[in-house]
Amino acid sequence: MIINAVFPRISSYVKEVKTVGAVRFAKERDIPEINAIRKEVSMLHAEGRPDIFKADFGAELENRLSEYISSADKKAVVFE
């Protein structure tokens, strides 16, 4: 089981791991939801380590995802 190899200490707490869903390349319609999650994570980082992370999630970060989706070289993936 992958959990045992990657997280040996928590494997004793995991009885059974079931994955239902698929990984796919992100599409333009995914941007609002992805950015909402990214904003939340960004705020958690800023609250936990304000000496390293800014509390600002600006347009530059929001637009970067759009660039990845339309790029041939970079891609964003989602799990649904």
PDB file of N, CA and C in Angstrom:
ATOM      1  N   MET A   1       0.842  -1.169   0.000  1.00  0.00           N
ATOM      2  CA  MET A   1       0.000   0.000   0.000  1.00  0.00           C
ATOM      3  C   MET A   1       0.891   1.237   0.000  1.00  0.00           C
ATOM      4  N   ILE A   2       0.584   2.215  -0.836  1.00  0.00           N
ATOM      5  CA  ILE A   2       1.404   3.416  -0.971  1.00  0.00           C
ATOM      6  C   ILE A   2       1.492   4.173   0.349  1.00  0.00           C
ATOM      7  N   ILE A   3       0.423   4.213   1.103  1.00  0.00           N
ATOM      8  CA  ILE A   3       0.415   4.934   2.386  1.00  0.00           C
ATOM      9  C   ILE A   3       1.546   4.424   3.278  1.00  0.00           C
ATOM     10  N   ASN A   4       1.759   3.120   3.324  1.00  0.00           N
ATOM     11  CA  ASN A   4       2.815   2.557   4.165  1.00  0.00           C
ATOM     12  C   ASN A   4       4.191   3.065   3.766  1.00  0.00           C
ATOM     13  N   ALA A   5       4.432   3.190   2.486  1.00  0.00           N
ATOM     14  CA  ALA A   5       5.742   3.621   2.015  1.00  0.00           C
ATOM     15  C   ALA A   5       5.971   5.108   2.237  1.00  0.00           C
ATOM     16  N   VAL A   6       4.952   5.911   2.004  1.00  0.00           N
ATOM     17  CA  VAL A   6       5.115   7.355   2.078  1.00  0.00           C
ATOM     18  C   VAL A   6       4.910   7.894   3.489  1.00  0.00           C
ATOM     19  N   PHE A   7       3.923   7.348   4.195  1.00  0.00           N
ATOM     20  CA  PHE A   7       3.587   7.819   5.535  1.00  0.00           C
ATOM     21  C   PHE A   7       3.564   6.656   6.518  1.00  0.00           C
ATOM     22  N   PRO A   8       4.729   6.084   6.841  1.00  0.00           N
ATOM     23  CA  PRO A   8       4.735   4.880   7.681  1.00  0.00           C
ATOM     24  C   PRO A   8       4.120   5.084   9.060  1.00  0.00           C
ATOM     25  N   ARG A   9       4.228   6.277   9.635  1.00  0.00           N
ATOM     26  CA  ARG A   9       3.689   6.493  10.976  1.00  0.00           C
ATOM     27  C   ARG A   9       2.172   6.563  11.007  1.00  0.00           C
ATOM     28  N   ILE A  10       1.561   7.048   9.940  1.00  0.00           N
ATOM     29  CA  ILE A  10       0.097   7.151   9.964  1.00  0.00           C
ATOM     30  C   ILE A  10      -0.592   5.923   9.369  1.00  0.00           C
ATOM     31  N   SER A  11       0.192   5.021   8.797  1.00  0.00           N
ATOM     32  CA  SER A  11      -0.429   3.867   8.148  1.00  0.00           C
ATOM     33  C   SER A  11      -1.218   3.007   9.126  1.00  0.00           C
ATOM     34  N   SER A  12      -0.843   3.032  10.395  1.00  0.00           N
ATOM     35  CA  SER A  12      -1.589   2.243  11.370  1.00  0.00           C
ATOM     36  C   SER A  12      -2.977   2.806  11.617  1.00  0.00           C
ATOM     37  N   TYR A  13      -3.188   4.084  11.310  1.00  0.00           N
ATOM     38  CA  TYR A  13      -4.501   4.705  11.494  1.00  0.00           C
ATOM     39  C   TYR A  13      -5.412   4.506  10.291  1.00  0.00           C
ATOM     40  N   VAL A  14      -4.830   4.169   9.161  1.00  0.00           N
ATOM     41  CA  VAL A  14      -5.591   4.033   7.928  1.00  0.00           C
ATOM     42  C   VAL A  14      -6.019   2.583   7.764  1.00  0.00           C
ATOM     43  N   LYS A  15      -7.308   2.364   7.787  1.00  0.00           N
ATOM     44  CA  LYS A  15      -7.832   1.005   7.625  1.00  0.00           C
ATOM     45  C   LYS A  15      -7.906   0.620   6.149  1.00  0.00           C
ATOM     46  N   GLU A  16      -8.466   1.516   5.360  1.00  0.00           N
ATOM     47  CA  GLU A  16      -8.647   1.216   3.949  1.00  0.00           C
ATOM     48  C   GLU A  16      -8.670   2.531   3.190  1.00  0.00           C
ATOM     49  N   VAL A  17      -7.975   2.573   2.091  1.00  0.00           N
ATOM     50  CA  VAL A  17      -7.932   3.775   1.276  1.00  0.00           C
ATOM     51  C   VAL A  17      -8.666   3.486  -0.020  1.00  0.00           C
ATOM     52  N   LYS A  18      -9.673   4.294  -0.300  1.00  0.00           N
ATOM     53  CA  LYS A  18     -10.411   4.167  -1.548  1.00  0.00           C
ATOM     54  C   LYS A  18     -10.290   5.474  -2.306  1.00  0.00           C
ATOM     55  N   THR A  19      -9.955   5.384  -3.563  1.00  0.00           N
ATOM     56  CA  THR A  19      -9.869   6.564  -4.409  1.00  0.00           C
ATOM     57  C   THR A  19     -10.945   6.465  -5.470  1.00  0.00           C
ATOM     58  N   VAL A  20     -11.779   7.466  -5.483  1.00  0.00           N
ATOM     59  CA  VAL A  20     -12.828   7.522  -6.484  1.00  0.00           C
ATOM     60  C   VAL A  20     -12.689   8.860  -7.184  1.00  0.00           C
ATOM     61  N   GLY A  21     -12.381   8.836  -8.433  1.00  0.00           N
ATOM     62  CA  GLY A  21     -12.211  10.073  -9.171  1.00  0.00           C
ATOM     63  C   GLY A  21     -11.171   9.912 -10.253  1.00  0.00           C
ATOM     64  N   ALA A  22     -10.812  11.023 -10.835  1.00  0.00           N
ATOM     65  CA  ALA A  22      -9.853  10.998 -11.932  1.00  0.00           C
ATOM     66  C   ALA A  22      -9.023  12.261 -11.913  1.00  0.00           C
ATOM     67  N   VAL A  23      -7.792  12.142 -12.372  1.00  0.00           N
ATOM     68  CA  VAL A  23      -6.919  13.294 -12.553  1.00  0.00           C
ATOM     69  C   VAL A  23      -7.024  13.694 -14.014  1.00  0.00           C
ATOM     70  N   ARG A  24      -7.163  14.997 -14.230  1.00  0.00           N
ATOM     71  CA  ARG A  24      -7.263  15.506 -15.603  1.00  0.00           C
ATOM     72  C   ARG A  24      -6.615  16.879 -15.669  1.00  0.00           C
ATOM     73  N   PHE A  25      -6.340  17.329 -16.869  1.00  0.00           N
ATOM     74  CA  PHE A  25      -5.819  18.671 -17.052  1.00  0.00           C
ATOM     75  C   PHE A  25      -6.920  19.676 -16.735  1.00  0.00           C
ATOM     76  N   ALA A  26      -6.546  20.759 -16.069  1.00  0.00           N
ATOM     77  CA  ALA A  26      -7.507  21.793 -15.705  1.00  0.00           C
ATOM     78  C   ALA A  26      -7.999  22.524 -16.948  1.00  0.00           C
ATOM     79  N   LYS A  27      -9.222  23.016 -16.842  1.00  0.00           N
ATOM     80  CA  LYS A  27      -9.838  23.792 -17.923  1.00  0.00           C
ATOM     81  C   LYS A  27     -10.200  25.164 -17.381  1.00  0.00           C
ATOM     82  N   GLU A  28     -10.504  26.078 -18.265  1.00  0.00           N
ATOM     83  CA  GLU A  28     -10.860  27.442 -17.863  1.00  0.00           C
ATOM     84  C   GLU A  28     -11.990  27.452 -16.839  1.00  0.00           C
ATOM     85  N   ARG A  29     -12.954  26.567 -16.975  1.00  0.00           N
ATOM     86  CA  ARG A  29     -14.101  26.541 -16.053  1.00  0.00           C
ATOM     87  C   ARG A  29     -13.688  26.178 -14.619  1.00  0.00           C
ATOM     88  N   ASP A  30     -12.499  25.589 -14.446  1.00  0.00           N
ATOM     89  CA  ASP A  30     -12.009  25.192 -13.121  1.00  0.00           C
ATOM     90  C   ASP A  30     -11.344  26.335 -12.361  1.00  0.00           C
ATOM     91  N   ILE A  31     -11.013  27.402 -13.044  1.00  0.00           N
ATOM     92  CA  ILE A  31     -10.218  28.472 -12.447  1.00  0.00           C
ATOM     93  C   ILE A  31     -10.828  29.056 -11.168  1.00  0.00           C
ATOM     94  N   PRO A  32     -12.113  29.406 -11.121  1.00  0.00           N
ATOM     95  CA  PRO A  32     -12.643  29.996  -9.884  1.00  0.00           C
ATOM     96  C   PRO A  32     -12.500  29.088  -8.660  1.00  0.00           C
ATOM     97  N   GLU A  33     -12.772  27.815  -8.823  1.00  0.00           N
ATOM     98  CA  GLU A  33     -12.670  26.888  -7.696  1.00  0.00           C
ATOM     99  C   GLU A  33     -11.214  26.645  -7.289  1.00  0.00           C
ATOM    100  N   ILE A  34     -10.342  26.509  -8.271  1.00  0.00           N
ATOM    101  CA  ILE A  34      -8.919  26.310  -7.967  1.00  0.00           C
ATOM    102  C   ILE A  34      -8.366  27.534  -7.243  1.00  0.00           C
ATOM    103  N   ASN A  35      -8.706  28.720  -7.732  1.00  0.00           N
ATOM    104  CA  ASN A  35      -8.200  29.933  -7.096  1.00  0.00           C
ATOM    105  C   ASN A  35      -8.757  30.105  -5.687  1.00  0.00           C
ATOM    106  N   ALA A  36      -9.979  29.665  -5.439  1.00  0.00           N
ATOM    107  CA  ALA A  36     -10.535  29.732  -4.084  1.00  0.00           C
ATOM    108  C   ALA A  36      -9.703  28.865  -3.133  1.00  0.00           C
ATOM    109  N   ILE A  37      -9.329  27.682  -3.584  1.00  0.00           N
ATOM    110  CA  ILE A  37      -8.497  26.791  -2.767  1.00  0.00           C
ATOM    111  C   ILE A  37      -7.105  27.391  -2.591  1.00  0.00           C
ATOM    112  N   ARG A  38      -6.549  27.932  -3.653  1.00  0.00           N
ATOM    113  CA  ARG A  38      -5.222  28.536  -3.581  1.00  0.00           C
ATOM    114  C   ARG A  38      -5.202  29.726  -2.625  1.00  0.00           C
ATOM    115  N   LYS A  39      -6.257  30.530  -2.635  1.00  0.00           N
ATOM    116  CA  LYS A  39      -6.345  31.667  -1.715  1.00  0.00           C
ATOM    117  C   LYS A  39      -6.371  31.188  -0.269  1.00  0.00           C
ATOM    118  N   GLU A  40      -7.149  30.138  -0.029  1.00  0.00           N
ATOM    119  CA  GLU A  40      -7.238  29.595   1.334  1.00  0.00           C
ATOM    120  C   GLU A  40      -5.877  29.083   1.808  1.00  0.00           C
ATOM    121  N   VAL A  41      -5.196  28.350   0.968  1.00  0.00           N
ATOM    122  CA  VAL A  41      -3.872  27.828   1.321  1.00  0.00           C
ATOM    123  C   VAL A  41      -2.890  28.975   1.528  1.00  0.00           C
ATOM    124  N   SER A  42      -2.955  29.975   0.675  1.00  0.00           N
ATOM    125  CA  SER A  42      -2.080  31.132   0.806  1.00  0.00           C
ATOM    126  C   SER A  42      -2.292  31.840   2.141  1.00  0.00           C
ATOM    127  N   MET A  43      -3.538  31.996   2.547  1.00  0.00           N
ATOM    128  CA  MET A  43      -3.838  32.641   3.828  1.00  0.00           C
ATOM    129  C   MET A  43      -3.336  31.800   5.004  1.00  0.00           C
ATOM    130  N   LEU A  44      -3.485  30.490   4.914  1.00  0.00           N
ATOM    131  CA  LEU A  44      -2.985  29.616   5.973  1.00  0.00           C
ATOM    132  C   LEU A  44      -1.472  29.734   6.114  1.00  0.00           C
ATOM    133  N   HIS A  45      -0.771  29.797   4.987  1.00  0.00           N
ATOM    134  CA  HIS A  45       0.674  29.975   5.029  1.00  0.00           C
ATOM    135  C   HIS A  45       1.029  31.317   5.667  1.00  0.00           C
ATOM    136  N   ALA A  46       0.339  32.367   5.257  1.00  0.00           N
ATOM    137  CA  ALA A  46       0.634  33.710   5.768  1.00  0.00           C
ATOM    138  C   ALA A  46       0.349  33.819   7.263  1.00  0.00           C
ATOM    139  N   GLU A  47      -0.705  33.162   7.713  1.00  0.00           N
ATOM    140  CA  GLU A  47      -1.028  33.180   9.141  1.00  0.00           C
ATOM    141  C   GLU A  47      -0.005  32.382   9.948  1.00  0.00           C
ATOM    142  N   GLY A  48       0.426  31.273   9.392  1.00  0.00           N
ATOM    143  CA  GLY A  48       1.368  30.411  10.101  1.00  0.00           C
ATOM    144  C   GLY A  48       2.796  30.914  10.080  1.00  0.00           C
ATOM    145  N   ARG A  49       3.196  31.520   8.966  1.00  0.00           N
ATOM    146  CA  ARG A  49       4.579  32.011   8.830  1.00  0.00           C
ATOM    147  C   ARG A  49       4.582  33.385   8.168  1.00  0.00           C
ATOM    148  N   PRO A  50       4.107  34.411   8.881  1.00  0.00           N
ATOM    149  CA  PRO A  50       4.069  35.750   8.288  1.00  0.00           C
ATOM    150  C   PRO A  50       5.459  36.303   7.958  1.00  0.00           C
ATOM    151  N   ASP A  51       6.480  35.710   8.543  1.00  0.00           N
ATOM    152  CA  ASP A  51       7.844  36.143   8.240  1.00  0.00           C
ATOM    153  C   ASP A  51       8.304  35.692   6.857  1.00  0.00           C
ATOM    154  N   ILE A  52       7.604  34.715   6.294  1.00  0.00           N
ATOM    155  CA  ILE A  52       7.996  34.179   4.992  1.00  0.00           C
ATOM    156  C   ILE A  52       6.955  34.486   3.918  1.00  0.00           C
ATOM    157  N   PHE A  53       5.670  34.342   4.260  1.00  0.00           N
ATOM    158  CA  PHE A  53       4.594  34.450   3.282  1.00  0.00           C
ATOM    159  C   PHE A  53       3.818  35.751   3.426  1.00  0.00           C
ATOM    160  N   LYS A  54       3.399  36.305   2.291  1.00  0.00           N
ATOM    161  CA  LYS A  54       2.568  37.502   2.278  1.00  0.00           C
ATOM    162  C   LYS A  54       1.104  37.102   2.405  1.00  0.00           C
ATOM    163  N   ALA A  55       0.312  37.962   3.016  1.00  0.00           N
ATOM    164  CA  ALA A  55      -1.121  37.702   3.154  1.00  0.00           C
ATOM    165  C   ALA A  55      -1.882  38.113   1.901  1.00  0.00           C
ATOM    166  N   ASP A  56      -1.173  38.484   0.862  1.00  0.00           N
ATOM    167  CA  ASP A  56      -1.786  38.987  -0.361  1.00  0.00           C
ATOM    168  C   ASP A  56      -1.864  37.879  -1.412  1.00  0.00           C
ATOM    169  N   PHE A  57      -3.048  37.697  -1.968  1.00  0.00           N
ATOM    170  CA  PHE A  57      -3.220  36.777  -3.097  1.00  0.00           C
ATOM    171  C   PHE A  57      -3.740  37.626  -4.241  1.00  0.00           C
ATOM    172  N   GLY A  58      -2.830  38.183  -5.007  1.00  0.00           N
ATOM    173  CA  GLY A  58      -3.203  39.174  -6.008  1.00  0.00           C
ATOM    174  C   GLY A  58      -3.552  38.596  -7.362  1.00  0.00           C
ATOM    175  N   ALA A  59      -3.808  39.518  -8.269  1.00  0.00           N
ATOM    176  CA  ALA A  59      -4.198  39.160  -9.630  1.00  0.00           C
ATOM    177  C   ALA A  59      -3.094  38.386 -10.349  1.00  0.00           C
ATOM    178  N   GLU A  60      -1.845  38.656  -9.980  1.00  0.00           N
ATOM    179  CA  GLU A  60      -0.738  37.947 -10.630  1.00  0.00           C
ATOM    180  C   GLU A  60      -0.870  36.436 -10.432  1.00  0.00           C
ATOM    181  N   LEU A  61      -1.174  36.018  -9.210  1.00  0.00           N
ATOM    182  CA  LEU A  61      -1.344  34.586  -8.947  1.00  0.00           C
ATOM    183  C   LEU A  61      -2.599  34.035  -9.618  1.00  0.00           C
ATOM    184  N   GLU A  62      -3.662  34.814  -9.621  1.00  0.00           N
ATOM    185  CA  GLU A  62      -4.888  34.359 -10.284  1.00  0.00           C
ATOM    186  C   GLU A  62      -4.662  34.163 -11.773  1.00  0.00           C
ATOM    187  N   ASN A  63      -3.937  35.081 -12.396  1.00  0.00           N
ATOM    188  CA  ASN A  63      -3.703  35.005 -13.837  1.00  0.00           C
ATOM    189  C   ASN A  63      -2.709  33.917 -14.222  1.00  0.00           C
ATOM    190  N   ARG A  64      -1.837  33.551 -13.324  1.00  0.00           N
ATOM    191  CA  ARG A  64      -0.843  32.524 -13.630  1.00  0.00           C
ATOM    192  C   ARG A  64      -1.518  31.204 -13.993  1.00  0.00           C
ATOM    193  N   LEU A  65      -2.593  30.856 -13.312  1.00  0.00           N
ATOM    194  CA  LEU A  65      -3.303  29.609 -13.602  1.00  0.00           C
ATOM    195  C   LEU A  65      -3.864  29.620 -15.019  1.00  0.00           C
ATOM    196  N   SER A  66      -4.401  30.741 -15.422  1.00  0.00           N
ATOM    197  CA  SER A  66      -4.920  30.862 -16.784  1.00  0.00           C
ATOM    198  C   SER A  66      -3.812  30.663 -17.810  1.00  0.00           C
ATOM    199  N   GLU A  67      -2.626  31.183 -17.504  1.00  0.00           N
ATOM    200  CA  GLU A  67      -1.484  30.992 -18.397  1.00  0.00           C
ATOM    201  C   GLU A  67      -1.106  29.522 -18.497  1.00  0.00           C
ATOM    202  N   TYR A  68      -1.129  28.814 -17.372  1.00  0.00           N
ATOM    203  CA  TYR A  68      -0.797  27.388 -17.380  1.00  0.00           C
ATOM    204  C   TYR A  68      -1.792  26.595 -18.218  1.00  0.00           C
ATOM    205  N   ILE A  69      -3.047  26.909 -18.088  1.00  0.00           N
ATOM    206  CA  ILE A  69      -4.074  26.160 -18.813  1.00  0.00           C
ATOM    207  C   ILE A  69      -3.932  26.354 -20.316  1.00  0.00           C
ATOM    208  N   SER A  70      -3.570  27.552 -20.731  1.00  0.00           N
ATOM    209  CA  SER A  70      -3.464  27.820 -22.168  1.00  0.00           C
ATOM    210  C   SER A  70      -2.073  27.522 -22.730  1.00  0.00           C
ATOM    211  N   SER A  71      -1.121  27.173 -21.892  1.00  0.00           N
ATOM    212  CA  SER A  71       0.248  26.929 -22.328  1.00  0.00           C
ATOM    213  C   SER A  71       0.439  25.500 -22.834  1.00  0.00           C
ATOM    214  N   ALA A  72       1.340  25.374 -23.799  1.00  0.00           N
ATOM    215  CA  ALA A  72       1.701  24.042 -24.286  1.00  0.00           C
ATOM    216  C   ALA A  72       2.790  23.424 -23.420  1.00  0.00           C
ATOM    217  N   ASP A  73       3.565  24.262 -22.724  1.00  0.00           N
ATOM    218  CA  ASP A  73       4.695  23.790 -21.926  1.00  0.00           C
ATOM    219  C   ASP A  73       4.350  23.502 -20.470  1.00  0.00           C
ATOM    220  N   LYS A  74       3.406  24.241 -19.917  1.00  0.00           N
ATOM    221  CA  LYS A  74       3.033  24.098 -18.511  1.00  0.00           C
ATOM    222  C   LYS A  74       1.580  23.677 -18.444  1.00  0.00           C
ATOM    223  N   LYS A  75       1.263  22.853 -17.470  1.00  0.00           N
ATOM    224  CA  LYS A  75      -0.115  22.414 -17.308  1.00  0.00           C
ATOM    225  C   LYS A  75      -0.502  22.405 -15.842  1.00  0.00           C
ATOM    226  N   ALA A  76      -1.750  22.548 -15.571  1.00  0.00           N
ATOM    227  CA  ALA A  76      -2.306  22.414 -14.234  1.00  0.00           C
ATOM    228  C   ALA A  76      -3.215  21.187 -14.273  1.00  0.00           C
ATOM    229  N   VAL A  77      -3.217  20.437 -13.203  1.00  0.00           N
ATOM    230  CA  VAL A  77      -4.075  19.255 -13.134  1.00  0.00           C
ATOM    231  C   VAL A  77      -5.041  19.396 -11.964  1.00  0.00           C
ATOM    232  N   VAL A  78      -6.176  18.720 -12.080  1.00  0.00           N
ATOM    233  CA  VAL A  78      -7.176  18.691 -11.015  1.00  0.00           C
ATOM    234  C   VAL A  78      -7.583  17.246 -10.772  1.00  0.00           C
ATOM    235  N   PHE A  79      -8.067  17.014  -9.582  1.00  0.00           N
ATOM    236  CA  PHE A  79      -8.605  15.696  -9.237  1.00  0.00           C
ATOM    237  C   PHE A  79     -10.077  15.884  -8.953  1.00  0.00           C
ATOM    238  N   GLU A  80     -10.902  15.105  -9.632  1.00  0.00           N
ATOM    239  CA  GLU A  80     -12.337  15.207  -9.387  1.00  0.00           C
ATOM    240  C   GLU A  80     -12.944  13.867  -9.121  1.00  0.00           C
TER     241      GLU A  80
END
